[in-house]
All heavy atoms as atom14 arrays in JSON, in Angstrom:
{
  "sequence": "QTIGTKHAAFEVDDMKALKEHFVAHNVDIAHEVTMDGESVMF",
  "atom14_mask": [
    [1, 1, 1, 1, 1, 1, 1, 1, 1, 0, 0, 0, 0, 0],
    [1, 1, 1, 1, 1, 1, 1, 0, 0, 0, 0, 0, 0, 0],
    [1, 1, 1, 1, 1, 1, 1, 1, 0, 0, 0, 0, 0, 0],
    [1, 1, 1, 1, 0, 0, 0, 0, 0, 0, 0, 0, 0, 0],
    [1, 1, 1, 1, 1, 1, 1, 0, 0, 0, 0, 0, 0, 0],
    [1, 1, 1, 1, 1, 1, 1, 1, 1, 0, 0, 0, 0, 0],
    [1, 1, 1, 1, 1, 1, 1, 1, 1, 1, 0, 0, 0, 0],
    [1, 1, 1, 1, 1, 0, 0, 0, 0, 0, 0, 0, 0, 0],
    [1, 1, 1, 1, 1, 0, 0, 0, 0, 0, 0, 0, 0, 0],
    [1, 1, 1, 1, 1, 1, 1, 1, 1, 1, 1, 0, 0, 0],
    [1, 1, 1, 1, 1, 1, 1, 1, 1, 0, 0, 0, 0, 0],
    [1, 1, 1, 1, 1, 1, 1, 0, 0, 0, 0, 0, 0, 0],
    [1, 1, 1, 1, 1, 1, 1, 1, 0, 0, 0, 0, 0, 0],
    [1, 1, 1, 1, 1, 1, 1, 1, 0, 0, 0, 0, 0, 0],
    [1, 1, 1, 1, 1, 1, 1, 1, 0, 0, 0, 0, 0, 0],
    [1, 1, 1, 1, 1, 1, 1, 1, 1, 0, 0, 0, 0, 0],
    [1, 1, 1, 1, 1, 0, 0, 0, 0, 0, 0, 0, 0, 0],
    [1, 1, 1, 1, 1, 1, 1, 1, 0, 0, 0, 0, 0, 0],
    [1, 1, 1, 1, 1, 1, 1, 1, 1, 0, 0, 0, 0, 0],
    [1, 1, 1, 1, 1, 1, 1, 1, 1, 0, 0, 0, 0, 0],
    [1, 1, 1, 1, 1, 1, 1, 1, 1, 1, 0, 0, 0, 0],
    [1, 1, 1, 1, 1, 1, 1, 1, 1, 1, 1, 0, 0, 0],
    [1, 1, 1, 1, 1, 1, 1, 0, 0, 0, 0, 0, 0, 0],
    [1, 1, 1, 1, 1, 0, 0, 0, 0, 0, 0, 0, 0, 0],
    [1, 1, 1, 1, 1, 1, 1, 1, 1, 1, 0, 0, 0, 0],
    [1, 1, 1, 1, 1, 1, 1, 1, 0, 0, 0, 0, 0, 0],
    [1, 1, 1, 1, 1, 1, 1, 0, 0, 0, 0, 0, 0, 0],
    [1, 1, 1, 1, 1, 1, 1, 1, 0, 0, 0, 0, 0, 0],
    [1, 1, 1, 1, 1, 1, 1, 1, 0, 0, 0, 0, 0, 0],
    [1, 1, 1, 1, 1, 0, 0, 0, 0, 0, 0, 0, 0, 0],
    [1, 1, 1, 1, 1, 1, 1, 1, 1, 1, 0, 0, 0, 0],
    [1, 1, 1, 1, 1, 1, 1, 1, 1, 0, 0, 0, 0, 0],
    [1, 1, 1, 1, 1, 1, 1, 0, 0, 0, 0, 0, 0, 0],
    [1, 1, 1, 1, 1, 1, 1, 0, 0, 0, 0, 0, 0, 0],
    [1, 1, 1, 1, 1, 1, 1, 1, 0, 0, 0, 0, 0, 0],
    [1, 1, 1, 1, 1, 1, 1, 1, 0, 0, 0, 0, 0, 0],
    [1, 1, 1, 1, 0, 0, 0, 0, 0, 0, 0, 0, 0, 0],
    [1, 1, 1, 1, 1, 1, 1, 1, 1, 0, 0, 0, 0, 0],
    [1, 1, 1, 1, 1, 1, 0, 0, 0, 0, 0, 0, 0, 0],
    [1, 1, 1, 1, 1, 1, 1, 0, 0, 0, 0, 0, 0, 0],
    [1, 1, 1, 1, 1, 1, 1, 1, 0, 0, 0, 0, 0, 0],
    [1, 1, 1, 1, 1, 1, 1, 1, 1, 1, 1, 0, 0, 0]
  ],
  "atom14_positions": [
    [[-2.13, -5.34, 14.08], [-1.49, -6.01, 15.2], [-0.08, -6.64, 14.72], [0.66, -7.06, 15.6], [-2.32, -6.96, 15.91], [-3.63, -6.43, 16.42], [-4.55, -7.41, 17.06], [-4.21, -8.58, 17.46], [-5.83, -7.15, 17.09], [0.0, 0.0, 0.0], [0.0, 0.0, 0.0], [0.0, 0.0, 0.0], [0.0, 0.0, 0.0], [0.0, 0.0, 0.0]],
    [[-0.04, -6.88, 13.46], [1.13, -7.53, 12.81], [2.21, -6.44, 12.61], [1.95, -5.41, 12.07], [0.71, -8.22, 11.54], [-0.22, -9.15, 11.81], [2.04, -9.02, 11.02], [0.0, 0.0, 0.0], [0.0, 0.0, 0.0], [0.0, 0.0, 0.0], [0.0, 0.0, 0.0], [0.0, 0.0, 0.0], [0.0, 0.0, 0.0], [0.0, 0.0, 0.0]],
    [[3.47, -6.64, 13.04], [4.46, -5.82, 12.84], [4.79, -5.55, 11.47], [4.86, -6.61, 10.63], [5.7, -6.21, 13.71], [5.47, -6.22, 15.21], [6.95, -5.38, 13.35], [6.42, -6.71, 16.15], [0.0, 0.0, 0.0], [0.0, 0.0, 0.0], [0.0, 0.0, 0.0], [0.0, 0.0, 0.0], [0.0, 0.0, 0.0], [0.0, 0.0, 0.0]],
    [[5.05, -4.31, 11.08], [5.44, -4.1, 9.65], [4.64, -3.03, 9.02], [3.75, -2.41, 9.66], [0.0, 0.0, 0.0], [0.0, 0.0, 0.0], [0.0, 0.0, 0.0], [0.0, 0.0, 0.0], [0.0, 0.0, 0.0], [0.0, 0.0, 0.0], [0.0, 0.0, 0.0], [0.0, 0.0, 0.0], [0.0, 0.0, 0.0], [0.0, 0.0, 0.0]],
    [[4.92, -2.73, 7.84], [4.23, -1.67, 7.08], [2.73, -2.04, 6.99], [2.54, -3.17, 6.6], [4.87, -1.44, 5.79], [6.14, -0.96, 5.93], [4.18, -0.23, 4.91], [0.0, 0.0, 0.0], [0.0, 0.0, 0.0], [0.0, 0.0, 0.0], [0.0, 0.0, 0.0], [0.0, 0.0, 0.0], [0.0, 0.0, 0.0], [0.0, 0.0, 0.0]],
    [[1.92, -1.11, 7.12], [0.47, -1.47, 7.18], [-0.42, -1.22, 5.75], [-0.95, -2.08, 5.32], [-0.3, -0.81, 8.22], [0.2, -1.13, 9.65], [0.03, -2.68, 10.01], [1.17, -3.45, 9.78], [1.02, -4.9, 9.81], [0.0, 0.0, 0.0], [0.0, 0.0, 0.0], [0.0, 0.0, 0.0], [0.0, 0.0, 0.0], [0.0, 0.0, 0.0]],
    [[-0.44, 0.12, 5.43], [-1.28, 0.46, 4.24], [-0.79, 1.82, 3.83], [-0.2, 2.48, 4.63], [-2.67, 0.42, 4.65], [-3.08, 1.12, 5.73], [-3.12, 0.75, 7.0], [-3.15, 2.55, 6.07], [-3.4, 1.48, 7.93], [-3.39, 2.85, 7.28], [0.0, 0.0, 0.0], [0.0, 0.0, 0.0], [0.0, 0.0, 0.0], [0.0, 0.0, 0.0]],
    [[-1.31, 2.16, 2.59], [-1.19, 3.5, 2.13], [-2.58, 4.26, 2.56], [-3.55, 3.58, 2.56], [-0.89, 3.68, 0.73], [0.0, 0.0, 0.0], [0.0, 0.0, 0.0], [0.0, 0.0, 0.0], [0.0, 0.0, 0.0], [0.0, 0.0, 0.0], [0.0, 0.0, 0.0], [0.0, 0.0, 0.0], [0.0, 0.0, 0.0], [0.0, 0.0, 0.0]],
    [[-2.52, 5.52, 2.88], [-3.76, 6.19, 3.23], [-3.9, 7.56, 2.39], [-2.92, 8.15, 2.16], [-3.78, 6.58, 4.82], [0.0, 0.0, 0.0], [0.0, 0.0, 0.0], [0.0, 0.0, 0.0], [0.0, 0.0, 0.0], [0.0, 0.0, 0.0], [0.0, 0.0, 0.0], [0.0, 0.0, 0.0], [0.0, 0.0, 0.0], [0.0, 0.0, 0.0]],
    [[-5.11, 7.93, 2.0], [-5.38, 8.95, 1.14], [-6.55, 9.74, 1.73], [-7.52, 9.28, 2.27], [-5.87, 8.58, -0.3], [-4.72, 7.72, -1.05], [-4.66, 6.32, -0.99], [-3.79, 8.39, -1.8], [-3.63, 5.64, -1.69], [-2.82, 7.61, -2.4], [-2.72, 6.27, -2.42], [0.0, 0.0, 0.0], [0.0, 0.0, 0.0], [0.0, 0.0, 0.0]],
    [[-6.37, 11.15, 1.64], [-7.53, 11.91, 2.19], [-8.46, 12.08, 0.98], [-8.08, 12.24, -0.26], [-6.8, 13.31, 2.5], [-7.94, 14.19, 3.18], [-7.38, 15.56, 3.72], [-6.1, 15.66, 4.0], [-8.21, 16.6, 3.94], [0.0, 0.0, 0.0], [0.0, 0.0, 0.0], [0.0, 0.0, 0.0], [0.0, 0.0, 0.0], [0.0, 0.0, 0.0]],
    [[-9.73, 12.12, 1.26], [-10.78, 12.48, 0.32], [-11.66, 13.51, 0.86], [-11.61, 13.85, 2.01], [-11.54, 11.03, 0.03], [-10.77, 9.95, -0.41], [-12.4, 10.68, 1.41], [0.0, 0.0, 0.0], [0.0, 0.0, 0.0], [0.0, 0.0, 0.0], [0.0, 0.0, 0.0], [0.0, 0.0, 0.0], [0.0, 0.0, 0.0], [0.0, 0.0, 0.0]],
    [[-12.34, 14.07, -0.03], [-13.22, 15.21, 0.27], [-14.71, 14.84, 0.2], [-15.6, 15.55, 0.58], [-12.96, 16.48, -0.57], [-13.17, 16.29, -1.95], [-13.52, 15.23, -2.48], [-12.77, 17.26, -2.72], [0.0, 0.0, 0.0], [0.0, 0.0, 0.0], [0.0, 0.0, 0.0], [0.0, 0.0, 0.0], [0.0, 0.0, 0.0], [0.0, 0.0, 0.0]],
    [[-15.11, 13.62, -0.26], [-16.46, 13.11, -0.34], [-16.43, 11.73, -0.33], [-16.48, 10.98, -1.22], [-17.04, 13.67, -1.57], [-18.67, 13.42, -1.77], [-19.14, 12.51, -0.96], [-19.32, 13.98, -2.47], [0.0, 0.0, 0.0], [0.0, 0.0, 0.0], [0.0, 0.0, 0.0], [0.0, 0.0, 0.0], [0.0, 0.0, 0.0], [0.0, 0.0, 0.0]],
    [[-16.44, 11.2, 0.95], [-16.47, 9.69, 1.15], [-17.76, 9.01, 0.59], [-17.65, 7.86, 0.07], [-16.37, 9.45, 2.57], [-16.15, 7.97, 2.97], [-14.5, 7.37, 2.53], [-13.5, 7.99, 3.83], [0.0, 0.0, 0.0], [0.0, 0.0, 0.0], [0.0, 0.0, 0.0], [0.0, 0.0, 0.0], [0.0, 0.0, 0.0], [0.0, 0.0, 0.0]],
    [[-18.88, 9.66, 0.64], [-20.03, 8.99, 0.06], [-19.89, 8.79, -1.43], [-20.21, 7.72, -2.02], [-21.33, 9.94, 0.34], [-22.63, 9.3, -0.15], [-23.75, 10.1, 0.24], [-25.07, 9.65, -0.36], [-26.14, 10.53, -0.37], [0.0, 0.0, 0.0], [0.0, 0.0, 0.0], [0.0, 0.0, 0.0], [0.0, 0.0, 0.0], [0.0, 0.0, 0.0]],
    [[-19.47, 9.79, -2.13], [-19.22, 9.7, -3.59], [-18.22, 8.64, -3.83], [-18.22, 7.9, -4.89], [-18.87, 11.03, -4.18], [0.0, 0.0, 0.0], [0.0, 0.0, 0.0], [0.0, 0.0, 0.0], [0.0, 0.0, 0.0], [0.0, 0.0, 0.0], [0.0, 0.0, 0.0], [0.0, 0.0, 0.0], [0.0, 0.0, 0.0], [0.0, 0.0, 0.0]],
    [[-17.12, 8.62, -3.06], [-16.05, 7.63, -3.35], [-16.59, 6.16, -3.16], [-16.26, 5.3, -3.91], [-14.89, 7.84, -2.36], [-13.67, 6.99, -2.63], [-13.08, 7.07, -3.88], [-12.78, 7.16, -1.4], [0.0, 0.0, 0.0], [0.0, 0.0, 0.0], [0.0, 0.0, 0.0], [0.0, 0.0, 0.0], [0.0, 0.0, 0.0], [0.0, 0.0, 0.0]],
    [[-17.44, 6.04, -2.14], [-17.96, 4.74, -1.78], [-18.86, 4.33, -3.05], [-18.73, 3.14, -3.52], [-18.73, 4.68, -0.54], [-19.38, 3.31, -0.17], [-20.08, 3.18, 1.16], [-20.56, 1.66, 1.36], [-21.29, 1.75, 2.58], [0.0, 0.0, 0.0], [0.0, 0.0, 0.0], [0.0, 0.0, 0.0], [0.0, 0.0, 0.0], [0.0, 0.0, 0.0]],
    [[-19.74, 5.17, -3.49], [-20.54, 5.0, -4.62], [-19.58, 4.47, -5.86], [-20.06, 3.57, -6.53], [-21.3, 6.09, -5.04], [-22.49, 6.34, -4.0], [-23.16, 7.68, -4.34], [-22.91, 8.41, -5.21], [-24.12, 8.06, -3.45], [0.0, 0.0, 0.0], [0.0, 0.0, 0.0], [0.0, 0.0, 0.0], [0.0, 0.0, 0.0], [0.0, 0.0, 0.0]],
    [[-18.52, 5.16, -6.11], [-17.53, 4.71, -7.15], [-17.09, 3.39, -6.79], [-16.87, 2.62, -7.8], [-16.44, 5.85, -7.17], [-15.24, 5.48, -8.06], [-15.36, 5.5, -9.41], [-14.03, 5.02, -7.77], [-14.14, 5.21, -9.88], [-13.43, 4.78, -8.9], [0.0, 0.0, 0.0], [0.0, 0.0, 0.0], [0.0, 0.0, 0.0], [0.0, 0.0, 0.0]],
    [[-16.61, 3.0, -5.6], [-16.12, 1.89, -5.29], [-17.16, 0.69, -5.49], [-16.89, -0.39, -6.15], [-15.62, 1.73, -3.93], [-14.28, 2.43, -3.72], [-13.91, 2.84, -2.34], [-13.48, 2.81, -4.72], [-12.82, 3.5, -2.04], [-12.33, 3.5, -4.41], [-11.97, 3.76, -3.19], [0.0, 0.0, 0.0], [0.0, 0.0, 0.0], [0.0, 0.0, 0.0]],
    [[-18.45, 0.91, -5.11], [-19.34, -0.04, -5.22], [-19.69, -0.23, -6.81], [-19.88, -1.39, -7.26], [-20.78, 0.35, -4.59], [-21.95, -0.54, -4.99], [-20.5, 0.24, -3.14], [0.0, 0.0, 0.0], [0.0, 0.0, 0.0], [0.0, 0.0, 0.0], [0.0, 0.0, 0.0], [0.0, 0.0, 0.0], [0.0, 0.0, 0.0], [0.0, 0.0, 0.0]],
    [[-19.63, 0.8, -7.57], [-19.89, 0.68, -9.01], [-18.79, -0.11, -9.71], [-18.97, -0.77, -10.85], [-20.06, 1.99, -9.65], [0.0, 0.0, 0.0], [0.0, 0.0, 0.0], [0.0, 0.0, 0.0], [0.0, 0.0, 0.0], [0.0, 0.0, 0.0], [0.0, 0.0, 0.0], [0.0, 0.0, 0.0], [0.0, 0.0, 0.0], [0.0, 0.0, 0.0]],
    [[-17.57, -0.07, -9.19], [-16.46, -0.86, -9.68], [-16.31, -2.32, -8.94], [-15.12, -2.86, -9.02], [-15.27, 0.01, -9.64], [-15.17, 0.94, -10.64], [-15.79, 2.19, -10.59], [-14.62, 1.14, -11.96], [-15.72, 2.89, -11.65], [-15.03, 2.21, -12.51], [0.0, 0.0, 0.0], [0.0, 0.0, 0.0], [0.0, 0.0, 0.0], [0.0, 0.0, 0.0]],
    [[-17.16, -2.68, -8.1], [-17.19, -3.84, -7.38], [-15.73, -3.98, -6.48], [-15.29, -5.08, -6.46], [-17.2, -5.18, -8.34], [-18.45, -5.1, -9.16], [-19.52, -5.0, -8.55], [-18.47, -5.34, -10.46], [0.0, 0.0, 0.0], [0.0, 0.0, 0.0], [0.0, 0.0, 0.0], [0.0, 0.0, 0.0], [0.0, 0.0, 0.0], [0.0, 0.0, 0.0]],
    [[-15.55, -2.89, -5.9], [-14.33, -2.92, -4.95], [-14.77, -3.55, -3.69], [-15.7, -3.38, -3.21], [-13.75, -1.53, -4.8], [-12.78, -1.36, -3.66], [-13.27, -0.81, -6.08], [0.0, 0.0, 0.0], [0.0, 0.0, 0.0], [0.0, 0.0, 0.0], [0.0, 0.0, 0.0], [0.0, 0.0, 0.0], [0.0, 0.0, 0.0], [0.0, 0.0, 0.0]],
    [[-13.69, -4.26, -3.14], [-13.88, -5.04, -1.87], [-13.68, -3.99, -0.73], [-12.61, -3.68, -0.55], [-12.89, -6.18, -1.86], [-13.15, -6.99, -0.56], [-13.98, -6.83, 0.08], [-12.21, -7.96, -0.39], [0.0, 0.0, 0.0], [0.0, 0.0, 0.0], [0.0, 0.0, 0.0], [0.0, 0.0, 0.0], [0.0, 0.0, 0.0], [0.0, 0.0, 0.0]],
    [[-14.75, -3.59, -0.13], [-14.7, -2.69, 0.93], [-14.59, -3.47, 2.3], [-15.43, -4.21, 2.56], [-15.99, -1.8, 1.06], [-16.07, -0.8, -0.18], [-15.84, -0.84, 2.3], [-17.26, -0.07, -0.44], [0.0, 0.0, 0.0], [0.0, 0.0, 0.0], [0.0, 0.0, 0.0], [0.0, 0.0, 0.0], [0.0, 0.0, 0.0], [0.0, 0.0, 0.0]],
    [[-13.4, -3.31, 2.99], [-13.09, -4.16, 4.02], [-13.5, -3.58, 5.42], [-14.03, -4.43, 6.18], [-11.6, -4.28, 4.11], [0.0, 0.0, 0.0], [0.0, 0.0, 0.0], [0.0, 0.0, 0.0], [0.0, 0.0, 0.0], [0.0, 0.0, 0.0], [0.0, 0.0, 0.0], [0.0, 0.0, 0.0], [0.0, 0.0, 0.0], [0.0, 0.0, 0.0]],
    [[-13.71, -2.25, 5.57], [-14.01, -1.76, 6.91], [-14.47, -0.31, 6.75], [-13.91, 0.39, 5.98], [-12.77, -1.85, 7.72], [-12.89, -1.43, 9.14], [-13.69, -2.04, 9.99], [-12.45, -0.28, 9.78], [-13.59, -1.56, 11.17], [-12.95, -0.45, 11.03], [0.0, 0.0, 0.0], [0.0, 0.0, 0.0], [0.0, 0.0, 0.0], [0.0, 0.0, 0.0]],
    [[-15.47, 0.02, 7.46], [-15.97, 1.55, 7.46], [-16.09, 1.89, 8.89], [-16.73, 1.15, 9.78], [-17.08, 1.73, 6.68], [-17.03, 1.54, 5.16], [-18.41, 1.78, 4.48], [-18.68, 2.84, 4.19], [-19.05, 0.7, 4.21], [0.0, 0.0, 0.0], [0.0, 0.0, 0.0], [0.0, 0.0, 0.0], [0.0, 0.0, 0.0], [0.0, 0.0, 0.0]],
    [[-15.69, 3.1, 9.29], [-15.9, 3.57, 10.7], [-15.77, 5.01, 10.73], [-15.13, 5.66, 9.84], [-14.89, 2.84, 11.59], [-13.48, 3.35, 11.3], [-15.18, 3.06, 13.08], [0.0, 0.0, 0.0], [0.0, 0.0, 0.0], [0.0, 0.0, 0.0], [0.0, 0.0, 0.0], [0.0, 0.0, 0.0], [0.0, 0.0, 0.0], [0.0, 0.0, 0.0]],
    [[-16.36, 5.72, 11.72], [-16.1, 7.1, 11.98], [-15.4, 7.18, 13.3], [-15.76, 6.57, 14.31], [-17.57, 7.84, 12.16], [-18.3, 7.64, 10.88], [-17.35, 9.28, 12.42], [0.0, 0.0, 0.0], [0.0, 0.0, 0.0], [0.0, 0.0, 0.0], [0.0, 0.0, 0.0], [0.0, 0.0, 0.0], [0.0, 0.0, 0.0], [0.0, 0.0, 0.0]],
    [[-14.25, 7.96, 13.22], [-13.44, 8.02, 14.46], [-13.03, 9.45, 14.63], [-12.55, 10.12, 13.63], [-12.14, 7.17, 14.27], [-12.35, 5.7, 14.16], [-10.88, 4.66, 14.06], [-9.5, 5.62, 14.2], [0.0, 0.0, 0.0], [0.0, 0.0, 0.0], [0.0, 0.0, 0.0], [0.0, 0.0, 0.0], [0.0, 0.0, 0.0], [0.0, 0.0, 0.0]],
    [[-13.38, 9.93, 15.74], [-13.18, 11.36, 16.07], [-13.54, 12.29, 14.96], [-12.95, 13.26, 14.63], [-11.6, 11.61, 16.23], [-11.01, 10.82, 17.4], [-11.57, 10.67, 18.4], [-9.74, 10.38, 17.25], [0.0, 0.0, 0.0], [0.0, 0.0, 0.0], [0.0, 0.0, 0.0], [0.0, 0.0, 0.0], [0.0, 0.0, 0.0], [0.0, 0.0, 0.0]],
    [[-14.83, 12.03, 14.53], [-15.48, 12.85, 13.58], [-15.05, 12.62, 12.15], [-15.5, 13.26, 11.33], [0.0, 0.0, 0.0], [0.0, 0.0, 0.0], [0.0, 0.0, 0.0], [0.0, 0.0, 0.0], [0.0, 0.0, 0.0], [0.0, 0.0, 0.0], [0.0, 0.0, 0.0], [0.0, 0.0, 0.0], [0.0, 0.0, 0.0], [0.0, 0.0, 0.0]],
    [[-14.08, 11.8, 11.79], [-13.51, 11.53, 10.5], [-14.09, 10.21, 9.93], [-14.31, 9.19, 10.77], [-12.0, 11.35, 10.42], [-11.28, 12.67, 10.93], [-9.87, 12.65, 11.01], [-9.19, 11.51, 10.94], [-9.21, 13.75, 11.2], [0.0, 0.0, 0.0], [0.0, 0.0, 0.0], [0.0, 0.0, 0.0], [0.0, 0.0, 0.0], [0.0, 0.0, 0.0]],
    [[-14.54, 10.28, 8.8], [-15.0, 8.99, 8.06], [-13.65, 8.26, 7.6], [-12.85, 8.87, 6.94], [-15.84, 9.25, 6.91], [-17.01, 9.85, 7.37], [0.0, 0.0, 0.0], [0.0, 0.0, 0.0], [0.0, 0.0, 0.0], [0.0, 0.0, 0.0], [0.0, 0.0, 0.0], [0.0, 0.0, 0.0], [0.0, 0.0, 0.0], [0.0, 0.0, 0.0]],
    [[-13.7, 6.9, 7.86], [-12.59, 6.05, 7.48], [-13.08, 4.81, 6.8], [-14.06, 4.27, 7.26], [-11.73, 5.66, 8.7], [-10.65, 4.69, 8.33], [-11.17, 6.93, 9.58], [0.0, 0.0, 0.0], [0.0, 0.0, 0.0], [0.0, 0.0, 0.0], [0.0, 0.0, 0.0], [0.0, 0.0, 0.0], [0.0, 0.0, 0.0], [0.0, 0.0, 0.0]],
    [[-12.36, 4.67, 5.6], [-12.91, 3.32, 4.93], [-11.54, 2.66, 4.41], [-10.65, 3.32, 3.93], [-13.59, 3.74, 3.67], [-14.04, 2.49, 2.83], [-15.1, 2.8, 1.38], [-15.23, 4.51, 1.2], [0.0, 0.0, 0.0], [0.0, 0.0, 0.0], [0.0, 0.0, 0.0], [0.0, 0.0, 0.0], [0.0, 0.0, 0.0], [0.0, 0.0, 0.0]],
    [[-11.52, 1.37, 4.55], [-10.52, 0.55, 4.04], [-11.05, -0.37, 2.87], [-12.09, -0.8, 3.07], [-9.9, -0.35, 5.17], [-8.86, 0.13, 6.1], [-9.37, 0.75, 7.27], [-7.58, 0.11, 5.87], [-8.58, 1.17, 8.16], [-6.64, 0.67, 6.81], [-7.12, 1.17, 7.94], [0.0, 0.0, 0.0], [0.0, 0.0, 0.0], [0.0, 0.0, 0.0]]
  ]
}
């Protein structure tokens, strides 16, 4: 909702494996949602 540049986005081919990698590295997962059949994670 704040005007300005928001984020960089990357396409992935295995969200589950990526999330496991993030959890193993103590990455702060901000948000997960499925929209229009696509898995999205911030």
